[in-house]
Structures are given as C-alpha cells and as structure tokens.
Amino acid sequence: MNTISIKYPPEVLWALQQDPKEFEREARILLAVKLYESGKLTTGLAAQIADVPRVTFIHLLGQYGLSPFGETAREIARDLKHARQARRR
C-alpha cells in the first residue's frame, strides 16, 4: 500500500472536537466518499482507502446521501414510479 501524509494545525482537532485518530479516520472516509462520488473509484477501491469493508462503505454512502448504484434516491424512486405506471398499461 502507498501512503499519504497531510499536515494540519492542532486547531483543527480542537475545532472538530476530535482526537487525531478520529480525525484521520474521518478524513480517509471523506476522501473515499468524494472519489467515489466524482466517479473516479468503485465502491471496492474507495472502501480500501476508507479502510473499511465494502459493505460498510456502501452503508456509509447512504449516510452521505449517495447511492452505491450511481443514482440518487430520488432518481431511483422516479424510475420505480415509471416502471409501475408502465406495468399497469
């Protein structure tokens, strides 16, 4: 595995009310989520960056309002509505 190092002032920890380990974990997750959201990584690769199992990462996506299917919940609901309407015809 490759590594990345990011310098940050101690005030960041104070502002977020986190210890260094909490901040580093959250930073990894946020980076992974953003790379997934931008379409640059799959859920599997993003999960590796976040250092969590893929199923956990998929759950995390929901907490950030993202879908592992590449569509928003609103888009999926609209598609379901259209499918139900087409079935009734």
PDB file of N, CA and C in Angstrom:
ATOM      1  N   MET A   1       0.834  -1.191   0.000  1.00  0.00           N
ATOM      2  CA  MET A   1       0.000   0.000   0.000  1.00  0.00           C
ATOM      3  C   MET A   1       0.870   1.243   0.000  1.00  0.00           C
ATOM      4  N   ASN A   2       0.421   2.242  -0.729  1.00  0.00           N
ATOM      5  CA  ASN A   2       1.051   3.555  -0.686  1.00  0.00           C
ATOM      6  C   ASN A   2       0.447   4.345   0.467  1.00  0.00           C
ATOM      7  N   THR A   3       1.136   5.384   0.884  1.00  0.00           N
ATOM      8  CA  THR A   3       0.625   6.220   1.968  1.00  0.00           C
ATOM      9  C   THR A   3       0.627   7.680   1.548  1.00  0.00           C
ATOM     10  N   ILE A   4      -0.168   8.461   2.250  1.00  0.00           N
ATOM     11  CA  ILE A   4      -0.237   9.901   2.048  1.00  0.00           C
ATOM     12  C   ILE A   4      -0.132  10.548   3.426  1.00  0.00           C
ATOM     13  N   SER A   5       0.538  11.669   3.476  1.00  0.00           N
ATOM     14  CA  SER A   5       0.692  12.391   4.736  1.00  0.00           C
ATOM     15  C   SER A   5       0.188  13.816   4.531  1.00  0.00           C
ATOM     16  N   ILE A   6      -0.659  14.264   5.434  1.00  0.00           N
ATOM     17  CA  ILE A   6      -1.223  15.609   5.337  1.00  0.00           C
ATOM     18  C   ILE A   6      -0.939  16.344   6.637  1.00  0.00           C
ATOM     19  N   LYS A   7      -0.344  17.500   6.514  1.00  0.00           N
ATOM     20  CA  LYS A   7      -0.095  18.331   7.694  1.00  0.00           C
ATOM     21  C   LYS A   7      -1.345  19.146   7.981  1.00  0.00           C
ATOM     22  N   TYR A   8      -1.665  19.282   9.260  1.00  0.00           N
ATOM     23  CA  TYR A   8      -2.788  20.123   9.658  1.00  0.00           C
ATOM     24  C   TYR A   8      -2.477  20.710  11.029  1.00  0.00           C
ATOM     25  N   PRO A   9      -2.977  21.927  11.269  1.00  0.00           N
ATOM     26  CA  PRO A   9      -2.698  22.563  12.555  1.00  0.00           C
ATOM     27  C   PRO A   9      -3.504  21.905  13.672  1.00  0.00           C
ATOM     28  N   PRO A  10      -3.001  21.924  14.890  1.00  0.00           N
ATOM     29  CA  PRO A  10      -3.712  21.324  16.013  1.00  0.00           C
ATOM     30  C   PRO A  10      -5.077  21.953  16.265  1.00  0.00           C
ATOM     31  N   GLU A  11      -5.271  23.178  15.783  1.00  0.00           N
ATOM     32  CA  GLU A  11      -6.558  23.848  15.968  1.00  0.00           C
ATOM     33  C   GLU A  11      -7.694  23.104  15.255  1.00  0.00           C
ATOM     34  N   VAL A  12      -7.358  22.349  14.217  1.00  0.00           N
ATOM     35  CA  VAL A  12      -8.374  21.570  13.500  1.00  0.00           C
ATOM     36  C   VAL A  12      -8.998  20.565  14.459  1.00  0.00           C
ATOM     37  N   LEU A  13      -8.168  19.902  15.236  1.00  0.00           N
ATOM     38  CA  LEU A  13      -8.675  18.917  16.197  1.00  0.00           C
ATOM     39  C   LEU A  13      -9.565  19.583  17.240  1.00  0.00           C
ATOM     40  N   TRP A  14      -9.148  20.754  17.682  1.00  0.00           N
ATOM     41  CA  TRP A  14      -9.953  21.490  18.660  1.00  0.00           C
ATOM     42  C   TRP A  14     -11.292  21.892  18.047  1.00  0.00           C
ATOM     43  N   ALA A  15     -11.262  22.433  16.817  1.00  0.00           N
ATOM     44  CA  ALA A  15     -12.480  22.889  16.155  1.00  0.00           C
ATOM     45  C   ALA A  15     -13.464  21.738  15.930  1.00  0.00           C
ATOM     46  N   LEU A  16     -12.945  20.572  15.612  1.00  0.00           N
ATOM     47  CA  LEU A  16     -13.799  19.406  15.353  1.00  0.00           C
ATOM     48  C   LEU A  16     -14.094  18.602  16.607  1.00  0.00           C
ATOM     49  N   GLN A  17     -13.414  18.933  17.693  1.00  0.00           N
ATOM     50  CA  GLN A  17     -13.558  18.182  18.941  1.00  0.00           C
ATOM     51  C   GLN A  17     -13.288  16.686  18.720  1.00  0.00           C
ATOM     52  N   GLN A  18     -12.153  16.415  18.061  1.00  0.00           N
ATOM     53  CA  GLN A  18     -11.758  15.041  17.767  1.00  0.00           C
ATOM     54  C   GLN A  18     -10.318  14.828  18.198  1.00  0.00           C
ATOM     55  N   ASP A  19     -10.008  13.572  18.484  1.00  0.00           N
ATOM     56  CA  ASP A  19      -8.606  13.248  18.701  1.00  0.00           C
ATOM     57  C   ASP A  19      -8.002  12.915  17.341  1.00  0.00           C
ATOM     58  N   PRO A  20      -6.667  12.837  17.243  1.00  0.00           N
ATOM     59  CA  PRO A  20      -6.031  12.604  15.944  1.00  0.00           C
ATOM     60  C   PRO A  20      -6.523  11.351  15.221  1.00  0.00           C
ATOM     61  N   LYS A  21      -6.737  10.270  15.924  1.00  0.00           N
ATOM     62  CA  LYS A  21      -7.189   9.028  15.283  1.00  0.00           C
ATOM     63  C   LYS A  21      -8.589   9.194  14.681  1.00  0.00           C
ATOM     64  N   GLU A  22      -9.490   9.871  15.411  1.00  0.00           N
ATOM     65  CA  GLU A  22     -10.845  10.115  14.892  1.00  0.00           C
ATOM     66  C   GLU A  22     -10.788  10.970  13.629  1.00  0.00           C
ATOM     67  N   PHE A  23      -9.970  12.024  13.691  1.00  0.00           N
ATOM     68  CA  PHE A  23      -9.847  12.919  12.542  1.00  0.00           C
ATOM     69  C   PHE A  23      -9.279  12.183  11.332  1.00  0.00           C
ATOM     70  N   GLU A  24      -8.247  11.403  11.534  1.00  0.00           N
ATOM     71  CA  GLU A  24      -7.633  10.668  10.430  1.00  0.00           C
ATOM     72  C   GLU A  24      -8.615   9.666   9.829  1.00  0.00           C
ATOM     73  N   ARG A  25      -9.393   8.990  10.670  1.00  0.00           N
ATOM     74  CA  ARG A  25     -10.389   8.042  10.166  1.00  0.00           C
ATOM     75  C   ARG A  25     -11.439   8.765   9.330  1.00  0.00           C
ATOM     76  N   GLU A  26     -11.947   9.889   9.852  1.00  0.00           N
ATOM     77  CA  GLU A  26     -12.960  10.645   9.128  1.00  0.00           C
ATOM     78  C   GLU A  26     -12.396  11.207   7.817  1.00  0.00           C
ATOM     79  N   ALA A  27     -11.164  11.663   7.835  1.00  0.00           N
ATOM     80  CA  ALA A  27     -10.544  12.198   6.619  1.00  0.00           C
ATOM     81  C   ALA A  27     -10.426  11.116   5.542  1.00  0.00           C
ATOM     82  N   ARG A  28     -10.063   9.903   5.951  1.00  0.00           N
ATOM     83  CA  ARG A  28      -9.969   8.788   4.999  1.00  0.00           C
ATOM     84  C   ARG A  28     -11.332   8.502   4.389  1.00  0.00           C
ATOM     85  N   ILE A  29     -12.357   8.491   5.231  1.00  0.00           N
ATOM     86  CA  ILE A  29     -13.711   8.206   4.751  1.00  0.00           C
ATOM     87  C   ILE A  29     -14.177   9.308   3.802  1.00  0.00           C
ATOM     88  N   LEU A  30     -13.967  10.565   4.181  1.00  0.00           N
ATOM     89  CA  LEU A  30     -14.413  11.671   3.336  1.00  0.00           C
ATOM     90  C   LEU A  30     -13.695  11.672   1.989  1.00  0.00           C
ATOM     91  N   LEU A  31     -12.409  11.367   1.988  1.00  0.00           N
ATOM     92  CA  LEU A  31     -11.671  11.276   0.730  1.00  0.00           C
ATOM     93  C   LEU A  31     -12.244  10.164  -0.136  1.00  0.00           C
ATOM     94  N   ALA A  32     -12.477   9.016   0.452  1.00  0.00           N
ATOM     95  CA  ALA A  32     -13.018   7.880  -0.290  1.00  0.00           C
ATOM     96  C   ALA A  32     -14.406   8.190  -0.840  1.00  0.00           C
ATOM     97  N   VAL A  33     -15.252   8.792  -0.028  1.00  0.00           N
ATOM     98  CA  VAL A  33     -16.606   9.140  -0.463  1.00  0.00           C
ATOM     99  C   VAL A  33     -16.551  10.117  -1.633  1.00  0.00           C
ATOM    100  N   LYS A  34     -15.705  11.120  -1.534  1.00  0.00           N
ATOM    101  CA  LYS A  34     -15.608  12.125  -2.613  1.00  0.00           C
ATOM    102  C   LYS A  34     -15.075  11.505  -3.902  1.00  0.00           C
ATOM    103  N   LEU A  35     -14.088  10.641  -3.793  1.00  0.00           N
ATOM    104  CA  LEU A  35     -13.557   9.989  -5.000  1.00  0.00           C
ATOM    105  C   LEU A  35     -14.601   9.077  -5.629  1.00  0.00           C
ATOM    106  N   TYR A  36     -15.405   8.425  -4.806  1.00  0.00           N
ATOM    107  CA  TYR A  36     -16.497   7.607  -5.336  1.00  0.00           C
ATOM    108  C   TYR A  36     -17.552   8.507  -5.988  1.00  0.00           C
ATOM    109  N   GLU A  37     -17.941   9.568  -5.286  1.00  0.00           N
ATOM    110  CA  GLU A  37     -18.981  10.471  -5.784  1.00  0.00           C
ATOM    111  C   GLU A  37     -18.604  11.078  -7.132  1.00  0.00           C
ATOM    112  N   SER A  38     -17.330  11.388  -7.312  1.00  0.00           N
ATOM    113  CA  SER A  38     -16.880  12.002  -8.567  1.00  0.00           C
ATOM    114  C   SER A  38     -16.722  10.976  -9.689  1.00  0.00           C
ATOM    115  N   GLY A  39     -16.965   9.711  -9.376  1.00  0.00           N
ATOM    116  CA  GLY A  39     -16.889   8.667 -10.396  1.00  0.00           C
ATOM    117  C   GLY A  39     -15.482   8.171 -10.680  1.00  0.00           C
ATOM    118  N   LYS A  40     -14.548   8.534  -9.827  1.00  0.00           N
ATOM    119  CA  LYS A  40     -13.158   8.151 -10.046  1.00  0.00           C
ATOM    120  C   LYS A  40     -12.817   6.778  -9.492  1.00  0.00           C
ATOM    121  N   LEU A  41     -13.580   6.305  -8.496  1.00  0.00           N
ATOM    122  CA  LEU A  41     -13.303   4.998  -7.891  1.00  0.00           C
ATOM    123  C   LEU A  41     -14.576   4.182  -7.746  1.00  0.00           C
ATOM    124  N   THR A  42     -14.421   2.886  -7.757  1.00  0.00           N
ATOM    125  CA  THR A  42     -15.522   1.973  -7.463  1.00  0.00           C
ATOM    126  C   THR A  42     -15.732   1.922  -5.951  1.00  0.00           C
ATOM    127  N   THR A  43     -16.831   1.305  -5.534  1.00  0.00           N
ATOM    128  CA  THR A  43     -17.059   1.159  -4.095  1.00  0.00           C
ATOM    129  C   THR A  43     -15.961   0.310  -3.462  1.00  0.00           C
ATOM    130  N   GLY A  44     -15.471  -0.681  -4.185  1.00  0.00           N
ATOM    131  CA  GLY A  44     -14.424  -1.546  -3.640  1.00  0.00           C
ATOM    132  C   GLY A  44     -13.119  -0.810  -3.381  1.00  0.00           C
ATOM    133  N   LEU A  45     -12.676  -0.024  -4.363  1.00  0.00           N
ATOM    134  CA  LEU A  45     -11.425   0.731  -4.185  1.00  0.00           C
ATOM    135  C   LEU A  45     -11.594   1.840  -3.149  1.00  0.00           C
ATOM    136  N   ALA A  46     -12.737   2.495  -3.171  1.00  0.00           N
ATOM    137  CA  ALA A  46     -12.982   3.548  -2.181  1.00  0.00           C
ATOM    138  C   ALA A  46     -13.012   2.967  -0.773  1.00  0.00           C
ATOM    139  N   ALA A  47     -13.581   1.776  -0.633  1.00  0.00           N
ATOM    140  CA  ALA A  47     -13.605   1.113   0.676  1.00  0.00           C
ATOM    141  C   ALA A  47     -12.194   0.832   1.170  1.00  0.00           C
ATOM    142  N   GLN A  48     -11.300   0.482   0.258  1.00  0.00           N
ATOM    143  CA  GLN A  48      -9.911   0.241   0.658  1.00  0.00           C
ATOM    144  C   GLN A  48      -9.268   1.516   1.182  1.00  0.00           C
ATOM    145  N   ILE A  49      -9.533   2.651   0.523  1.00  0.00           N
ATOM    146  CA  ILE A  49      -8.996   3.931   1.008  1.00  0.00           C
ATOM    147  C   ILE A  49      -9.584   4.258   2.374  1.00  0.00           C
ATOM    148  N   ALA A  50     -10.874   4.020   2.534  1.00  0.00           N
ATOM    149  CA  ALA A  50     -11.539   4.300   3.814  1.00  0.00           C
ATOM    150  C   ALA A  50     -11.124   3.309   4.895  1.00  0.00           C
ATOM    151  N   ASP A  51     -10.494   2.209   4.482  1.00  0.00           N
ATOM    152  CA  ASP A  51     -10.046   1.154   5.395  1.00  0.00           C
ATOM    153  C   ASP A  51     -11.219   0.509   6.125  1.00  0.00           C
ATOM    154  N   VAL A  52     -12.283   0.249   5.349  1.00  0.00           N
ATOM    155  CA  VAL A  52     -13.462  -0.439   5.867  1.00  0.00           C
ATOM    156  C   VAL A  52     -13.877  -1.509   4.860  1.00  0.00           C
ATOM    157  N   PRO A  53     -14.631  -2.515   5.296  1.00  0.00           N
ATOM    158  CA  PRO A  53     -15.153  -3.487   4.332  1.00  0.00           C
ATOM    159  C   PRO A  53     -16.084  -2.796   3.327  1.00  0.00           C
ATOM    160  N   ARG A  54     -16.200  -3.368   2.140  1.00  0.00           N
ATOM    161  CA  ARG A  54     -17.027  -2.769   1.078  1.00  0.00           C
ATOM    162  C   ARG A  54     -18.469  -2.575   1.542  1.00  0.00           C
ATOM    163  N   VAL A  55     -19.030  -3.548   2.233  1.00  0.00           N
ATOM    164  CA  VAL A  55     -20.417  -3.425   2.689  1.00  0.00           C
ATOM    165  C   VAL A  55     -20.564  -2.256   3.668  1.00  0.00           C
ATOM    166  N   THR A  56     -19.570  -2.020   4.487  1.00  0.00           N
ATOM    167  CA  THR A  56     -19.588  -0.877   5.407  1.00  0.00           C
ATOM    168  C   THR A  56     -19.515   0.424   4.625  1.00  0.00           C
ATOM    169  N   PHE A  57     -18.676   0.452   3.586  1.00  0.00           N
ATOM    170  CA  PHE A  57     -18.561   1.661   2.770  1.00  0.00           C
ATOM    171  C   PHE A  57     -19.883   1.977   2.080  1.00  0.00           C
ATOM    172  N   ILE A  58     -20.549   0.943   1.575  1.00  0.00           N
ATOM    173  CA  ILE A  58     -21.848   1.146   0.928  1.00  0.00           C
ATOM    174  C   ILE A  58     -22.834   1.754   1.926  1.00  0.00           C
ATOM    175  N   HIS A  59     -22.798   1.285   3.151  1.00  0.00           N
ATOM    176  CA  HIS A  59     -23.653   1.859   4.204  1.00  0.00           C
ATOM    177  C   HIS A  59     -23.269   3.324   4.456  1.00  0.00           C
ATOM    178  N   LEU A  60     -21.984   3.611   4.487  1.00  0.00           N
ATOM    179  CA  LEU A  60     -21.530   4.990   4.698  1.00  0.00           C
ATOM    180  C   LEU A  60     -22.021   5.917   3.591  1.00  0.00           C
ATOM    181  N   LEU A  61     -22.069   5.411   2.358  1.00  0.00           N
ATOM    182  CA  LEU A  61     -22.561   6.233   1.252  1.00  0.00           C
ATOM    183  C   LEU A  61     -23.959   6.752   1.553  1.00  0.00           C
ATOM    184  N   GLY A  62     -24.800   5.902   2.109  1.00  0.00           N
ATOM    185  CA  GLY A  62     -26.153   6.318   2.467  1.00  0.00           C
ATOM    186  C   GLY A  62     -26.155   7.438   3.492  1.00  0.00           C
ATOM    187  N   GLN A  63     -25.216   7.404   4.423  1.00  0.00           N
ATOM    188  CA  GLN A  63     -25.130   8.456   5.435  1.00  0.00           C
ATOM    189  C   GLN A  63     -24.750   9.801   4.824  1.00  0.00           C
ATOM    190  N   TYR A  64     -24.089   9.757   3.660  1.00  0.00           N
ATOM    191  CA  TYR A  64     -23.698  10.978   2.959  1.00  0.00           C
ATOM    192  C   TYR A  64     -24.649  11.304   1.811  1.00  0.00           C
ATOM    193  N   GLY A  65     -25.793  10.617   1.766  1.00  0.00           N
ATOM    194  CA  GLY A  65     -26.794  10.892   0.748  1.00  0.00           C
ATOM    195  C   GLY A  65     -26.441  10.399  -0.639  1.00  0.00           C
ATOM    196  N   LEU A  66     -25.543   9.423  -0.718  1.00  0.00           N
ATOM    197  CA  LEU A  66     -25.125   8.884  -2.007  1.00  0.00           C
ATOM    198  C   LEU A  66     -25.616   7.454  -2.182  1.00  0.00           C
ATOM    199  N   SER A  67     -25.764   7.061  -3.419  1.00  0.00           N
ATOM    200  CA  SER A  67     -26.216   5.714  -3.736  1.00  0.00           C
ATOM    201  C   SER A  67     -25.066   4.883  -4.291  1.00  0.00           C
ATOM    202  N   PRO A  68     -24.964   3.628  -3.897  1.00  0.00           N
ATOM    203  CA  PRO A  68     -23.932   2.762  -4.479  1.00  0.00           C
ATOM    204  C   PRO A  68     -24.281   2.361  -5.907  1.00  0.00           C
ATOM    205  N   PHE A  69     -25.465   2.722  -6.371  1.00  0.00           N
ATOM    206  CA  PHE A  69     -25.913   2.384  -7.716  1.00  0.00           C
ATOM    207  C   PHE A  69     -25.648   3.501  -8.706  1.00  0.00           C
ATOM    208  N   GLY A  70     -25.032   4.585  -8.251  1.00  0.00           N
ATOM    209  CA  GLY A  70     -24.721   5.687  -9.144  1.00  0.00           C
ATOM    210  C   GLY A  70     -25.906   6.601  -9.419  1.00  0.00           C
ATOM    211  N   GLU A  71     -26.983   6.409  -8.699  1.00  0.00           N
ATOM    212  CA  GLU A  71     -28.159   7.245  -8.850  1.00  0.00           C
ATOM    213  C   GLU A  71     -28.600   7.721  -7.468  1.00  0.00           C
ATOM    214  N   THR A  72     -29.298   8.843  -7.468  1.00  0.00           N
ATOM    215  CA  THR A  72     -29.809   9.346  -6.200  1.00  0.00           C
ATOM    216  C   THR A  72     -31.077   8.592  -5.821  1.00  0.00           C
ATOM    217  N   ALA A  73     -31.462   8.689  -4.574  1.00  0.00           N
ATOM    218  CA  ALA A  73     -32.697   8.050  -4.114  1.00  0.00           C
ATOM    219  C   ALA A  73     -33.892   8.596  -4.885  1.00  0.00           C
ATOM    220  N   ARG A  74     -33.875   9.866  -5.193  1.00  0.00           N
ATOM    221  CA  ARG A  74     -34.973  10.488  -5.957  1.00  0.00           C
ATOM    222  C   ARG A  74     -35.056   9.891  -7.372  1.00  0.00           C
ATOM    223  N   GLU A  75     -33.902   9.689  -8.012  1.00  0.00           N
ATOM    224  CA  GLU A  75     -33.893   9.095  -9.356  1.00  0.00           C
ATOM    225  C   GLU A  75     -34.406   7.656  -9.330  1.00  0.00           C
ATOM    226  N   ILE A  76     -34.015   6.913  -8.323  1.00  0.00           N
ATOM    227  CA  ILE A  76     -34.479   5.525  -8.200  1.00  0.00           C
ATOM    228  C   ILE A  76     -35.987   5.501  -7.965  1.00  0.00           C
ATOM    229  N   ALA A  77     -36.494   6.389  -7.105  1.00  0.00           N
ATOM    230  CA  ALA A  77     -37.932   6.454  -6.838  1.00  0.00           C
ATOM    231  C   ALA A  77     -38.696   6.828  -8.108  1.00  0.00           C
ATOM    232  N   ARG A  78     -38.170   7.752  -8.880  1.00  0.00           N
ATOM    233  CA  ARG A  78     -38.818   8.146 -10.137  1.00  0.00           C
ATOM    234  C   ARG A  78     -38.858   6.969 -11.116  1.00  0.00           C
ATOM    235  N   ASP A  79     -37.736   6.251 -11.227  1.00  0.00           N
ATOM    236  CA  ASP A  79     -37.698   5.082 -12.109  1.00  0.00           C
ATOM    237  C   ASP A  79     -38.696   4.022 -11.662  1.00  0.00           C
ATOM    238  N   LEU A  80     -38.813   3.814 -10.366  1.00  0.00           N
ATOM    239  CA  LEU A  80     -39.768   2.838  -9.842  1.00  0.00           C
ATOM    240  C   LEU A  80     -41.198   3.265 -10.168  1.00  0.00           C
ATOM    241  N   LYS A  81     -41.473   4.548 -10.009  1.00  0.00           N
ATOM    242  CA  LYS A  81     -42.811   5.073 -10.326  1.00  0.00           C
ATOM    243  C   LYS A  81     -43.130   4.834 -11.798  1.00  0.00           C
ATOM    244  N   HIS A  82     -42.187   5.129 -12.668  1.00  0.00           N
ATOM    245  CA  HIS A  82     -42.403   4.932 -14.103  1.00  0.00           C
ATOM    246  C   HIS A  82     -42.582   3.457 -14.440  1.00  0.00           C
ATOM    247  N   ALA A  83     -41.822   2.606 -13.791  1.00  0.00           N
ATOM    248  CA  ALA A  83     -41.951   1.150 -14.030  1.00  0.00           C
ATOM    249  C   ALA A  83     -43.315   0.664 -13.610  1.00  0.00           C
ATOM    250  N   ARG A  84     -43.816   1.151 -12.480  1.00  0.00           N
ATOM    251  CA  ARG A  84     -45.157   0.734 -12.009  1.00  0.00           C
ATOM    252  C   ARG A  84     -46.245   1.237 -12.954  1.00  0.00           C
ATOM    253  N   GLN A  85     -46.083   2.455 -13.460  1.00  0.00           N
ATOM    254  CA  GLN A  85     -47.059   3.001 -14.405  1.00  0.00           C
ATOM    255  C   GLN A  85     -47.049   2.191 -15.707  1.00  0.00           C
ATOM    256  N   ALA A  86     -45.887   1.831 -16.187  1.00  0.00           N
ATOM    257  CA  ALA A  86     -45.782   1.066 -17.430  1.00  0.00           C
ATOM    258  C   ALA A  86     -46.385  -0.326 -17.264  1.00  0.00           C
ATOM    259  N   ARG A  87     -46.269  -0.899 -16.108  1.00  0.00           N
ATOM    260  CA  ARG A  87     -46.805  -2.241 -15.843  1.00  0.00           C
ATOM    261  C   ARG A  87     -48.321  -2.230 -15.883  1.00  0.00           C
ATOM    262  N   ARG A  88     -48.948  -1.141 -15.490  1.00  0.00           N
ATOM    263  CA  ARG A  88     -50.412  -1.034 -15.425  1.00  0.00           C
ATOM    264  C   ARG A  88     -51.051  -0.869 -16.803  1.00  0.00           C
ATOM    265  N   ARG A  89     -50.281  -0.516 -17.793  1.00  0.00           N
ATOM    266  CA  ARG A  89     -50.840  -0.263 -19.130  1.00  0.00           C
ATOM    267  C   ARG A  89     -51.218  -1.511 -19.822  1.00  0.00           C
TER     268      ARG A  89
END
